[in-house]
Amino acid sequence: MSAVHSSGTFALGTRTVHRLGYGAMQLAGAGVFGPPKDPAAALAVLREAIALGVDHIDTSDFYGPHVTNRLIREALHPYRGDLVIVTKIGARRGDDASWLPAYSTDELTRAVHDNLRNLGLDLLDVVNLRIMFNPYTPTEGSIEAPLTALAELQRQGLVRHIGLSNVTPAQVAQGRRLCEIVCVQNHYNLAHRDDDALIDALGRDGIAYVPYFPLGGFTPLQSSTLSAVAARLKATPMQVALAWLLRRAPNLLLIPGTSSVAHLRENLASAALDLPDDAVTALDELARAAAAPAATRP
């Protein structure tokens, strides 16, 4: 049994996936723009992920744009029956590689059809609506108009399930009043824990939470603490961060990304890493240190 299988499973709508998956964003070029430097290596990473038991791949047609979806199709089509491909819409790339909102009904419809065509699918398993009031952090505002447009595409039979990305708890609540939401994808890790209460609330209702940036936003002190725990366990900081996320809540589905087969294997091996209680305590202190008033910090 591969390490992926030891990560456990959780429902993603009507599908069930292993909790450790793969995010395809890093397969595009620098800045998630343009083609990869080594397309053959990108294809090898995707094929190795499937060979190691990954059954959940996260992607978007605005990665590249169009690059990662075309790589996924080239590497894996026709797809294995248990593979769930989750994509995102709601953004587009400018000619200067900027990230721009793409919320109109026409833009969302075009994005769904682009994802279908480039992935070689007739139906998208899960589509996350990326909210772009601020591309870098959840920002309040009504999501009714774009979510209603996406729900209409679901009624047309193009989308099986709907998720939300880069959203506040209030927007999640609004979204759930408008249609069924099967997952939320936000920035979350052991040092960036604004969504703690949201994760627990979603878990009680059987809704998946998909954290991104497992090592994003760390201070130097937090990074050194993580590295010390990793050295003691003879693991990498990324492996420890992923193992902590797997332990944090059963509804967390992880999608670490990489463009390296060796790094992919290393990430997936984190599912077999056993974190002792004292290591978990040390790691939990990272979030408390980040939340402490500046005057009380050393």
C-alpha atoms as a PDB file:
ATOM      1  CA  MET A   1       0.000   0.000   0.000  1.00  0.00           C
ATOM      2  CA  SER A   2       1.369   3.426  -0.938  1.00  0.00           C
ATOM      3  CA  ALA A   3       1.623   6.289   1.533  1.00  0.00           C
ATOM      4  CA  VAL A   4      -1.257   8.025  -0.252  1.00  0.00           C
ATOM      5  CA  HIS A   5      -3.607   5.253   0.860  1.00  0.00           C
ATOM      6  CA  SER A   6      -2.588   5.719   4.491  1.00  0.00           C
ATOM      7  CA  SER A   7      -3.766   9.355   4.363  1.00  0.00           C
ATOM      8  CA  GLY A   8      -7.382   8.223   4.693  1.00  0.00           C
ATOM      9  CA  THR A   9     -10.335   9.289   2.574  1.00  0.00           C
ATOM     10  CA  PHE A  10     -13.054  11.925   2.608  1.00  0.00           C
ATOM     11  CA  ALA A  11     -16.094  12.708   0.489  1.00  0.00           C
ATOM     12  CA  LEU A  12     -15.834  15.291  -2.278  1.00  0.00           C
ATOM     13  CA  GLY A  13     -19.462  15.612  -3.241  1.00  0.00           C
ATOM     14  CA  THR A  14     -20.583  12.184  -4.438  1.00  0.00           C
ATOM     15  CA  ARG A  15     -16.986  11.065  -4.953  1.00  0.00           C
ATOM     16  CA  THR A  16     -14.570   9.789  -2.314  1.00  0.00           C
ATOM     17  CA  VAL A  17     -10.882  10.626  -2.607  1.00  0.00           C
ATOM     18  CA  HIS A  18      -7.720  10.033  -0.628  1.00  0.00           C
ATOM     19  CA  ARG A  19      -6.904  12.995   1.570  1.00  0.00           C
ATOM     20  CA  LEU A  20      -3.487  13.502  -0.026  1.00  0.00           C
ATOM     21  CA  GLY A  21      -3.769  14.603  -3.648  1.00  0.00           C
ATOM     22  CA  TYR A  22      -1.776  16.716  -6.100  1.00  0.00           C
ATOM     23  CA  GLY A  23      -1.969  20.357  -7.210  1.00  0.00           C
ATOM     24  CA  ALA A  24      -0.931  20.978 -10.823  1.00  0.00           C
ATOM     25  CA  MET A  25      -0.261  24.727 -10.623  1.00  0.00           C
ATOM     26  CA  GLN A  26       3.539  24.391 -10.570  1.00  0.00           C
ATOM     27  CA  LEU A  27       3.554  22.472 -13.851  1.00  0.00           C
ATOM     28  CA  ALA A  28       3.163  25.756 -15.766  1.00  0.00           C
ATOM     29  CA  GLY A  29       6.074  28.107 -16.388  1.00  0.00           C
ATOM     30  CA  ALA A  30       7.517  30.661 -13.992  1.00  0.00           C
ATOM     31  CA  GLY A  31       4.800  32.679 -12.302  1.00  0.00           C
ATOM     32  CA  VAL A  32       2.247  30.050 -13.393  1.00  0.00           C
ATOM     33  CA  PHE A  33       2.509  31.596 -16.854  1.00  0.00           C
ATOM     34  CA  GLY A  34       3.499  29.970 -20.122  1.00  0.00           C
ATOM     35  CA  PRO A  35       4.745  26.435 -20.736  1.00  0.00           C
ATOM     36  CA  PRO A  36       7.056  24.478 -18.436  1.00  0.00           C
ATOM     37  CA  LYS A  37      10.775  24.485 -19.061  1.00  0.00           C
ATOM     38  CA  ASP A  38      10.693  20.682 -19.372  1.00  0.00           C
ATOM     39  CA  PRO A  39       7.331  19.364 -20.646  1.00  0.00           C
ATOM     40  CA  ALA A  40       8.509  15.747 -20.437  1.00  0.00           C
ATOM     41  CA  ALA A  41       9.273  16.180 -16.740  1.00  0.00           C
ATOM     42  CA  ALA A  42       5.819  17.676 -16.174  1.00  0.00           C
ATOM     43  CA  LEU A  43       4.167  14.687 -17.840  1.00  0.00           C
ATOM     44  CA  ALA A  44       6.316  12.331 -15.757  1.00  0.00           C
ATOM     45  CA  VAL A  45       5.167  13.994 -12.509  1.00  0.00           C
ATOM     46  CA  LEU A  46       1.509  13.533 -13.423  1.00  0.00           C
ATOM     47  CA  ARG A  47       1.966   9.890 -14.378  1.00  0.00           C
ATOM     48  CA  GLU A  48       3.958   9.168 -11.227  1.00  0.00           C
ATOM     49  CA  ALA A  49       1.276  10.787  -9.072  1.00  0.00           C
ATOM     50  CA  ILE A  50      -1.339   8.423 -10.501  1.00  0.00           C
ATOM     51  CA  ALA A  51       1.017   5.444 -10.182  1.00  0.00           C
ATOM     52  CA  LEU A  52       1.470   6.276  -6.481  1.00  0.00           C
ATOM     53  CA  GLY A  53      -2.275   6.264  -5.860  1.00  0.00           C
ATOM     54  CA  VAL A  54      -3.269   9.923  -6.200  1.00  0.00           C
ATOM     55  CA  ASP A  55      -6.955  10.151  -7.155  1.00  0.00           C
ATOM     56  CA  HIS A  56      -7.516  13.912  -6.681  1.00  0.00           C
ATOM     57  CA  ILE A  57      -5.834  16.482  -8.943  1.00  0.00           C
ATOM     58  CA  ASP A  58      -6.412  20.212  -8.563  1.00  0.00           C
ATOM     59  CA  THR A  59      -5.977  22.422 -11.631  1.00  0.00           C
ATOM     60  CA  SER A  60      -7.382  25.384 -13.569  1.00  0.00           C
ATOM     61  CA  ASP A  61      -7.468  26.535 -17.150  1.00  0.00           C
ATOM     62  CA  PHE A  62      -6.078  29.898 -16.017  1.00  0.00           C
ATOM     63  CA  TYR A  63      -2.837  28.143 -15.012  1.00  0.00           C
ATOM     64  CA  GLY A  64      -0.640  28.941 -17.976  1.00  0.00           C
ATOM     65  CA  PRO A  65      -3.276  29.759 -19.187  1.00  0.00           C
ATOM     66  CA  HIS A  66      -4.435  26.405 -20.621  1.00  0.00           C
ATOM     67  CA  VAL A  67      -1.050  24.800 -19.920  1.00  0.00           C
ATOM     68  CA  THR A  68      -1.713  22.508 -16.963  1.00  0.00           C
ATOM     69  CA  ASN A  69      -5.016  21.180 -18.282  1.00  0.00           C
ATOM     70  CA  ARG A  70      -3.447  20.257 -21.606  1.00  0.00           C
ATOM     71  CA  LEU A  71      -0.580  18.535 -19.807  1.00  0.00           C
ATOM     72  CA  ILE A  72      -3.047  16.577 -17.665  1.00  0.00           C
ATOM     73  CA  ARG A  73      -4.919  15.452 -20.770  1.00  0.00           C
ATOM     74  CA  GLU A  74      -1.732  14.454 -22.587  1.00  0.00           C
ATOM     75  CA  ALA A  75      -0.375  12.534 -19.608  1.00  0.00           C
ATOM     76  CA  LEU A  76      -3.493  10.835 -18.280  1.00  0.00           C
ATOM     77  CA  HIS A  77      -6.334  10.736 -20.823  1.00  0.00           C
ATOM     78  CA  PRO A  78      -8.337   8.484 -20.953  1.00  0.00           C
ATOM     79  CA  TYR A  79      -8.634   8.988 -17.221  1.00  0.00           C
ATOM     80  CA  ARG A  80      -8.723   6.278 -14.588  1.00  0.00           C
ATOM     81  CA  GLY A  81     -12.252   5.792 -13.298  1.00  0.00           C
ATOM     82  CA  ASP A  82     -11.464   6.815  -9.726  1.00  0.00           C
ATOM     83  CA  LEU A  83      -9.643  10.048 -10.663  1.00  0.00           C
ATOM     84  CA  VAL A  84     -11.367  13.272  -9.586  1.00  0.00           C
ATOM     85  CA  ILE A  85     -10.148  16.411 -11.355  1.00  0.00           C
ATOM     86  CA  VAL A  86     -11.086  19.652  -9.606  1.00  0.00           C
ATOM     87  CA  THR A  87     -10.744  22.912 -11.520  1.00  0.00           C
ATOM     88  CA  LYS A  88     -11.295  26.627 -10.865  1.00  0.00           C
ATOM     89  CA  ILE A  89     -12.940  29.504 -12.707  1.00  0.00           C
ATOM     90  CA  GLY A  90     -13.477  33.178 -11.919  1.00  0.00           C
ATOM     91  CA  ALA A  91     -10.087  34.535 -12.979  1.00  0.00           C
ATOM     92  CA  ARG A  92      -8.092  35.094 -16.136  1.00  0.00           C
ATOM     93  CA  ARG A  93      -4.506  36.008 -16.949  1.00  0.00           C
ATOM     94  CA  GLY A  94      -3.480  39.321 -18.446  1.00  0.00           C
ATOM     95  CA  ASP A  95      -0.828  39.551 -21.155  1.00  0.00           C
ATOM     96  CA  ASP A  96       1.563  40.719 -18.417  1.00  0.00           C
ATOM     97  CA  ALA A  97       0.816  37.539 -16.365  1.00  0.00           C
ATOM     98  CA  SER A  98      -1.439  39.496 -13.978  1.00  0.00           C
ATOM     99  CA  TRP A  99      -4.382  37.794 -12.246  1.00  0.00           C
ATOM    100  CA  LEU A 100      -7.678  39.421 -13.215  1.00  0.00           C
ATOM    101  CA  PRO A 101     -11.300  38.754 -12.248  1.00  0.00           C
ATOM    102  CA  ALA A 102     -13.501  37.046 -14.835  1.00  0.00           C
ATOM    103  CA  TYR A 103     -16.969  37.023 -13.294  1.00  0.00           C
ATOM    104  CA  SER A 104     -19.489  37.744 -16.018  1.00  0.00           C
ATOM    105  CA  THR A 105     -21.860  34.999 -17.127  1.00  0.00           C
ATOM    106  CA  ASP A 106     -20.147  34.901 -20.525  1.00  0.00           C
ATOM    107  CA  GLU A 107     -16.683  34.637 -18.945  1.00  0.00           C
ATOM    108  CA  LEU A 108     -17.742  31.881 -16.555  1.00  0.00           C
ATOM    109  CA  THR A 109     -19.475  29.956 -19.351  1.00  0.00           C
ATOM    110  CA  ARG A 110     -16.416  30.257 -21.554  1.00  0.00           C
ATOM    111  CA  ALA A 111     -14.169  29.127 -18.705  1.00  0.00           C
ATOM    112  CA  VAL A 112     -16.231  25.972 -18.097  1.00  0.00           C
ATOM    113  CA  HIS A 113     -16.144  25.110 -21.786  1.00  0.00           C
ATOM    114  CA  ASP A 114     -12.384  25.814 -21.956  1.00  0.00           C
ATOM    115  CA  ASN A 115     -11.797  23.439 -19.028  1.00  0.00           C
ATOM    116  CA  LEU A 116     -13.964  20.748 -20.626  1.00  0.00           C
ATOM    117  CA  ARG A 117     -12.179  21.039 -23.963  1.00  0.00           C
ATOM    118  CA  ASN A 118      -8.625  21.193 -22.658  1.00  0.00           C
ATOM    119  CA  LEU A 119      -9.150  18.345 -20.181  1.00  0.00           C
ATOM    120  CA  GLY A 120     -11.025  16.233 -22.736  1.00  0.00           C
ATOM    121  CA  LEU A 121     -14.120  15.854 -20.551  1.00  0.00           C
ATOM    122  CA  ASP A 122     -17.879  16.072 -21.066  1.00  0.00           C
ATOM    123  CA  LEU A 123     -18.522  16.851 -17.390  1.00  0.00           C
ATOM    124  CA  LEU A 124     -16.381  18.569 -14.751  1.00  0.00           C
ATOM    125  CA  ASP A 125     -16.444  16.736 -11.408  1.00  0.00           C
ATOM    126  CA  VAL A 126     -15.887  19.813  -9.231  1.00  0.00           C
ATOM    127  CA  VAL A 127     -15.572  23.479 -10.219  1.00  0.00           C
ATOM    128  CA  ASN A 128     -14.371  25.965  -7.608  1.00  0.00           C
ATOM    129  CA  LEU A 129     -15.502  29.550  -8.051  1.00  0.00           C
ATOM    130  CA  ARG A 130     -12.459  31.683  -7.255  1.00  0.00           C
ATOM    131  CA  ILE A 131     -13.532  34.980  -5.686  1.00  0.00           C
ATOM    132  CA  MET A 132     -11.318  37.824  -6.892  1.00  0.00           C
ATOM    133  CA  PHE A 133     -12.393  40.941  -4.987  1.00  0.00           C
ATOM    134  CA  ASN A 134      -8.780  40.758  -3.811  1.00  0.00           C
ATOM    135  CA  PRO A 135      -6.696  38.130  -5.656  1.00  0.00           C
ATOM    136  CA  TYR A 136      -4.499  37.495  -2.612  1.00  0.00           C
ATOM    137  CA  THR A 137      -6.851  37.312   0.370  1.00  0.00           C
ATOM    138  CA  PRO A 138     -10.552  36.692   1.057  1.00  0.00           C
ATOM    139  CA  THR A 139     -12.466  39.979   0.939  1.00  0.00           C
ATOM    140  CA  GLU A 140     -16.113  40.549   1.777  1.00  0.00           C
ATOM    141  CA  GLY A 141     -18.690  41.114  -0.947  1.00  0.00           C
ATOM    142  CA  SER A 142     -21.688  39.370  -2.446  1.00  0.00           C
ATOM    143  CA  ILE A 143     -20.927  36.290  -4.553  1.00  0.00           C
ATOM    144  CA  GLU A 144     -24.549  35.774  -5.622  1.00  0.00           C
ATOM    145  CA  ALA A 145     -24.227  36.805  -9.284  1.00  0.00           C
ATOM    146  CA  PRO A 146     -21.241  34.644 -10.308  1.00  0.00           C
ATOM    147  CA  LEU A 147     -22.350  31.701  -8.179  1.00  0.00           C
ATOM    148  CA  THR A 148     -25.839  31.802  -9.700  1.00  0.00           C
ATOM    149  CA  ALA A 149     -24.249  31.714 -13.162  1.00  0.00           C
ATOM    150  CA  LEU A 150     -22.131  28.700 -12.180  1.00  0.00           C
ATOM    151  CA  ALA A 151     -25.166  26.954 -10.695  1.00  0.00           C
ATOM    152  CA  GLU A 152     -26.931  27.390 -14.045  1.00  0.00           C
ATOM    153  CA  LEU A 153     -24.036  25.635 -15.796  1.00  0.00           C
ATOM    154  CA  GLN A 154     -24.438  22.852 -13.226  1.00  0.00           C
ATOM    155  CA  ARG A 155     -28.140  22.587 -14.133  1.00  0.00           C
ATOM    156  CA  GLN A 156     -27.126  22.287 -17.781  1.00  0.00           C
ATOM    157  CA  GLY A 157     -25.134  19.153 -16.911  1.00  0.00           C
ATOM    158  CA  LEU A 158     -21.652  20.604 -17.467  1.00  0.00           C
ATOM    159  CA  VAL A 159     -20.631  20.634 -13.785  1.00  0.00           C
ATOM    160  CA  ARG A 160     -21.292  17.930 -11.188  1.00  0.00           C
ATOM    161  CA  HIS A 161     -20.309  19.773  -7.994  1.00  0.00           C
ATOM    162  CA  ILE A 162     -19.483  23.352  -6.968  1.00  0.00           C
ATOM    163  CA  GLY A 163     -16.862  24.639  -4.537  1.00  0.00           C
ATOM    164  CA  LEU A 164     -15.590  28.051  -3.452  1.00  0.00           C
ATOM    165  CA  SER A 165     -12.071  29.479  -3.270  1.00  0.00           C
ATOM    166  CA  ASN A 166     -10.556  32.568  -1.609  1.00  0.00           C
ATOM    167  CA  VAL A 167     -13.704  33.196   0.437  1.00  0.00           C
ATOM    168  CA  THR A 168     -14.750  34.457   3.848  1.00  0.00           C
ATOM    169  CA  PRO A 169     -17.029  32.504   6.207  1.00  0.00           C
ATOM    170  CA  ALA A 170     -19.856  34.921   5.351  1.00  0.00           C
ATOM    171  CA  GLN A 171     -19.420  34.171   1.660  1.00  0.00           C
ATOM    172  CA  VAL A 172     -19.428  30.440   2.369  1.00  0.00           C
ATOM    173  CA  ALA A 173     -22.717  30.874   4.233  1.00  0.00           C
ATOM    174  CA  GLN A 174     -24.163  32.899   1.354  1.00  0.00           C
ATOM    175  CA  GLY A 175     -22.984  30.322  -1.152  1.00  0.00           C
ATOM    176  CA  ARG A 176     -24.588  27.476   0.765  1.00  0.00           C
ATOM    177  CA  ARG A 177     -27.928  29.307   0.681  1.00  0.00           C
ATOM    178  CA  LEU A 178     -27.683  29.510  -3.119  1.00  0.00           C
ATOM    179  CA  CYS A 179     -26.544  25.968  -3.974  1.00  0.00           C
ATOM    180  CA  GLU A 180     -24.793  22.928  -2.543  1.00  0.00           C
ATOM    181  CA  ILE A 181     -21.122  23.614  -1.793  1.00  0.00           C
ATOM    182  CA  VAL A 182     -18.902  20.516  -1.560  1.00  0.00           C
ATOM    183  CA  CYS A 183     -15.535  22.136  -0.748  1.00  0.00           C
ATOM    184  CA  VAL A 184     -13.810  25.369   0.243  1.00  0.00           C
ATOM    185  CA  GLN A 185     -10.260  26.124  -0.907  1.00  0.00           C
ATOM    186  CA  ASN A 186      -8.388  28.791   1.063  1.00  0.00           C
ATOM    187  CA  HIS A 187      -4.909  29.664   2.308  1.00  0.00           C
ATOM    188  CA  TYR A 188      -4.338  27.705   5.510  1.00  0.00           C
ATOM    189  CA  ASN A 189      -1.369  26.107   7.250  1.00  0.00           C
ATOM    190  CA  LEU A 190       0.016  25.604  10.750  1.00  0.00           C
ATOM    191  CA  ALA A 191       1.091  29.262  10.958  1.00  0.00           C
ATOM    192  CA  HIS A 192      -1.844  30.813   9.073  1.00  0.00           C
ATOM    193  CA  ARG A 193      -4.960  29.599  10.870  1.00  0.00           C
ATOM    194  CA  ASP A 194      -7.656  32.209  10.300  1.00  0.00           C
ATOM    195  CA  ASP A 195     -10.019  29.475   9.081  1.00  0.00           C
ATOM    196  CA  ASP A 196      -9.846  27.220  12.153  1.00  0.00           C
ATOM    197  CA  ALA A 197     -13.507  27.747  13.063  1.00  0.00           C
ATOM    198  CA  LEU A 198     -14.608  27.456   9.429  1.00  0.00           C
ATOM    199  CA  ILE A 199     -12.795  24.141   9.000  1.00  0.00           C
ATOM    200  CA  ASP A 200     -14.508  22.669  12.041  1.00  0.00           C
ATOM    201  CA  ALA A 201     -17.945  23.952  10.981  1.00  0.00           C
ATOM    202  CA  LEU A 202     -17.547  22.530   7.476  1.00  0.00           C
ATOM    203  CA  GLY A 203     -16.351  19.225   8.894  1.00  0.00           C
ATOM    204  CA  ARG A 204     -19.501  18.888  10.979  1.00  0.00           C
ATOM    205  CA  ASP A 205     -21.517  19.182   7.763  1.00  0.00           C
ATOM    206  CA  GLY A 206     -19.347  16.770   5.767  1.00  0.00           C
ATOM    207  CA  ILE A 207     -17.823  19.485   3.556  1.00  0.00           C
ATOM    208  CA  ALA A 208     -14.194  19.269   2.479  1.00  0.00           C
ATOM    209  CA  TYR A 209     -11.680  22.029   3.113  1.00  0.00           C
ATOM    210  CA  VAL A 210      -8.695  22.211   0.752  1.00  0.00           C
ATOM    211  CA  PRO A 211      -5.784  24.283   2.104  1.00  0.00           C
ATOM    212  CA  TYR A 212      -3.183  25.779  -0.198  1.00  0.00           C
ATOM    213  CA  PHE A 213       0.265  27.229   0.518  1.00  0.00           C
ATOM    214  CA  PRO A 214       1.200  24.650   3.216  1.00  0.00           C
ATOM    215  CA  LEU A 215       4.413  26.606   3.839  1.00  0.00           C
ATOM    216  CA  GLY A 216       3.200  30.082   2.840  1.00  0.00           C
ATOM    217  CA  GLY A 217       3.394  33.153   5.099  1.00  0.00           C
ATOM    218  CA  PHE A 218       5.825  31.841   7.724  1.00  0.00           C
ATOM    219  CA  THR A 219       8.034  34.195   9.741  1.00  0.00           C
ATOM    220  CA  PRO A 220      11.727  33.305  10.086  1.00  0.00           C
ATOM    221  CA  LEU A 221      11.119  32.212  13.690  1.00  0.00           C
ATOM    222  CA  GLN A 222       8.239  29.978  12.658  1.00  0.00           C
ATOM    223  CA  SER A 223      10.294  28.496   9.841  1.00  0.00           C
ATOM    224  CA  SER A 224      13.177  27.723  12.193  1.00  0.00           C
ATOM    225  CA  THR A 225      10.812  25.999  14.634  1.00  0.00           C
ATOM    226  CA  LEU A 226       9.359  23.898  11.831  1.00  0.00           C
ATOM    227  CA  SER A 227      12.836  23.021  10.576  1.00  0.00           C
ATOM    228  CA  ALA A 228      13.891  21.938  14.067  1.00  0.00           C
ATOM    229  CA  VAL A 229      10.912  19.585  14.364  1.00  0.00           C
ATOM    230  CA  ALA A 230      11.626  18.223  10.893  1.00  0.00           C
ATOM    231  CA  ALA A 231      15.288  17.584  11.699  1.00  0.00           C
ATOM    232  CA  ARG A 232      14.337  15.704  14.859  1.00  0.00           C
ATOM    233  CA  LEU A 233      11.919  13.487  12.906  1.00  0.00           C
ATOM    234  CA  LYS A 234      14.378  13.041  10.003  1.00  0.00           C
ATOM    235  CA  ALA A 235      11.826  14.557   7.659  1.00  0.00           C
ATOM    236  CA  THR A 236      11.590  17.701   5.525  1.00  0.00           C
ATOM    237  CA  PRO A 237       9.722  20.834   6.683  1.00  0.00           C
ATOM    238  CA  MET A 238       7.148  20.255   3.934  1.00  0.00           C
ATOM    239  CA  GLN A 239       6.544  16.691   5.092  1.00  0.00           C
ATOM    240  CA  VAL A 240       5.984  17.869   8.660  1.00  0.00           C
ATOM    241  CA  ALA A 241       3.659  20.673   7.536  1.00  0.00           C
ATOM    242  CA  LEU A 242       1.611  18.235   5.458  1.00  0.00           C
ATOM    243  CA  ALA A 243       1.505  15.632   8.231  1.00  0.00           C
ATOM    244  CA  TRP A 244       0.251  18.303  10.647  1.00  0.00           C
ATOM    245  CA  LEU A 245      -2.523  19.243   8.202  1.00  0.00           C
ATOM    246  CA  LEU A 246      -3.593  15.611   7.855  1.00  0.00           C
ATOM    247  CA  ARG A 247      -3.808  15.401  11.641  1.00  0.00           C
ATOM    248  CA  ARG A 248      -5.569  18.777  12.021  1.00  0.00           C
ATOM    249  CA  ALA A 249      -9.033  17.671  10.804  1.00  0.00           C
ATOM    250  CA  PRO A 250     -10.467  14.720   8.863  1.00  0.00           C
ATOM    251  CA  ASN A 251     -12.127  16.956   6.254  1.00  0.00           C
ATOM    252  CA  LEU A 252      -8.833  18.483   5.068  1.00  0.00           C
ATOM    253  CA  LEU A 253      -7.839  17.410   1.556  1.00  0.00           C
ATOM    254  CA  LEU A 254      -4.246  18.292   0.655  1.00  0.00           C
ATOM    255  CA  ILE A 255      -3.015  19.251  -2.817  1.00  0.00           C
ATOM    256  CA  PRO A 256       0.747  19.908  -2.531  1.00  0.00           C
ATOM    257  CA  GLY A 257       2.237  20.836  -5.885  1.00  0.00           C
ATOM    258  CA  THR A 258       5.617  20.268  -7.459  1.00  0.00           C
ATOM    259  CA  SER A 259       7.242  19.908 -10.872  1.00  0.00           C
ATOM    260  CA  SER A 260       9.732  17.271  -9.642  1.00  0.00           C
ATOM    261  CA  VAL A 261       9.126  13.526  -9.400  1.00  0.00           C
ATOM    262  CA  ALA A 262      11.516  13.261  -6.447  1.00  0.00           C
ATOM    263  CA  HIS A 263       9.735  16.084  -4.613  1.00  0.00           C
ATOM    264  CA  LEU A 264       6.370  14.504  -5.428  1.00  0.00           C
ATOM    265  CA  ARG A 265       7.420  11.233  -3.804  1.00  0.00           C
ATOM    266  CA  GLU A 266       8.734  13.136  -0.796  1.00  0.00           C
ATOM    267  CA  ASN A 267       5.459  15.047  -0.378  1.00  0.00           C
ATOM    268  CA  LEU A 268       3.304  11.946  -0.681  1.00  0.00           C
ATOM    269  CA  ALA A 269       5.436  10.114   1.877  1.00  0.00           C
ATOM    270  CA  SER A 270       4.256  12.643   4.470  1.00  0.00           C
ATOM    271  CA  ALA A 271       1.063  10.608   4.897  1.00  0.00           C
ATOM    272  CA  ALA A 272       3.120   7.929   6.638  1.00  0.00           C
ATOM    273  CA  LEU A 273       4.876  10.394   8.989  1.00  0.00           C
ATOM    274  CA  ASP A 274       3.820   9.931  12.606  1.00  0.00           C
ATOM    275  CA  LEU A 275       3.938  13.192  14.540  1.00  0.00           C
ATOM    276  CA  PRO A 276       4.509  12.643  18.283  1.00  0.00           C
ATOM    277  CA  ASP A 277       2.364  14.692  20.641  1.00  0.00           C
ATOM    278  CA  ASP A 278       5.225  16.956  21.735  1.00  0.00           C
ATOM    279  CA  ALA A 279       5.959  17.803  18.091  1.00  0.00           C
ATOM    280  CA  VAL A 280       2.306  18.694  17.541  1.00  0.00           C
ATOM    281  CA  THR A 281       2.403  20.920  20.638  1.00  0.00           C
ATOM    282  CA  ALA A 282       5.491  22.734  19.333  1.00  0.00           C
ATOM    283  CA  LEU A 283       3.886  23.208  15.929  1.00  0.00           C
ATOM    284  CA  ASP A 284       0.627  24.462  17.407  1.00  0.00           C
ATOM    285  CA  GLU A 285       2.611  27.159  19.208  1.00  0.00           C
ATOM    286  CA  LEU A 286       3.495  28.684  15.822  1.00  0.00           C
ATOM    287  CA  ALA A 287      -0.041  29.966  15.312  1.00  0.00           C
ATOM    288  CA  ARG A 288      -0.256  31.291  18.877  1.00  0.00           C
ATOM    289  CA  ALA A 289       3.024  33.136  18.394  1.00  0.00           C
ATOM    290  CA  ALA A 290       1.726  34.702  15.197  1.00  0.00           C
ATOM    291  CA  ALA A 291      -1.465  35.855  16.948  1.00  0.00           C
ATOM    292  CA  ALA A 292       0.263  37.295  20.017  1.00  0.00           C
ATOM    293  CA  PRO A 293       0.467  41.108  20.344  1.00  0.00           C
ATOM    294  CA  ALA A 294       3.800  42.451  19.182  1.00  0.00           C
ATOM    295  CA  ALA A 295       4.701  43.675  22.678  1.00  0.00           C
ATOM    296  CA  THR A 296       4.525  40.154  24.097  1.00  0.00           C
ATOM    297  CA  ARG A 297       6.721  38.598  21.442  1.00  0.00           C
ATOM    298  CA  PRO A 298      10.398  37.971  22.152  1.00  0.00           C
END
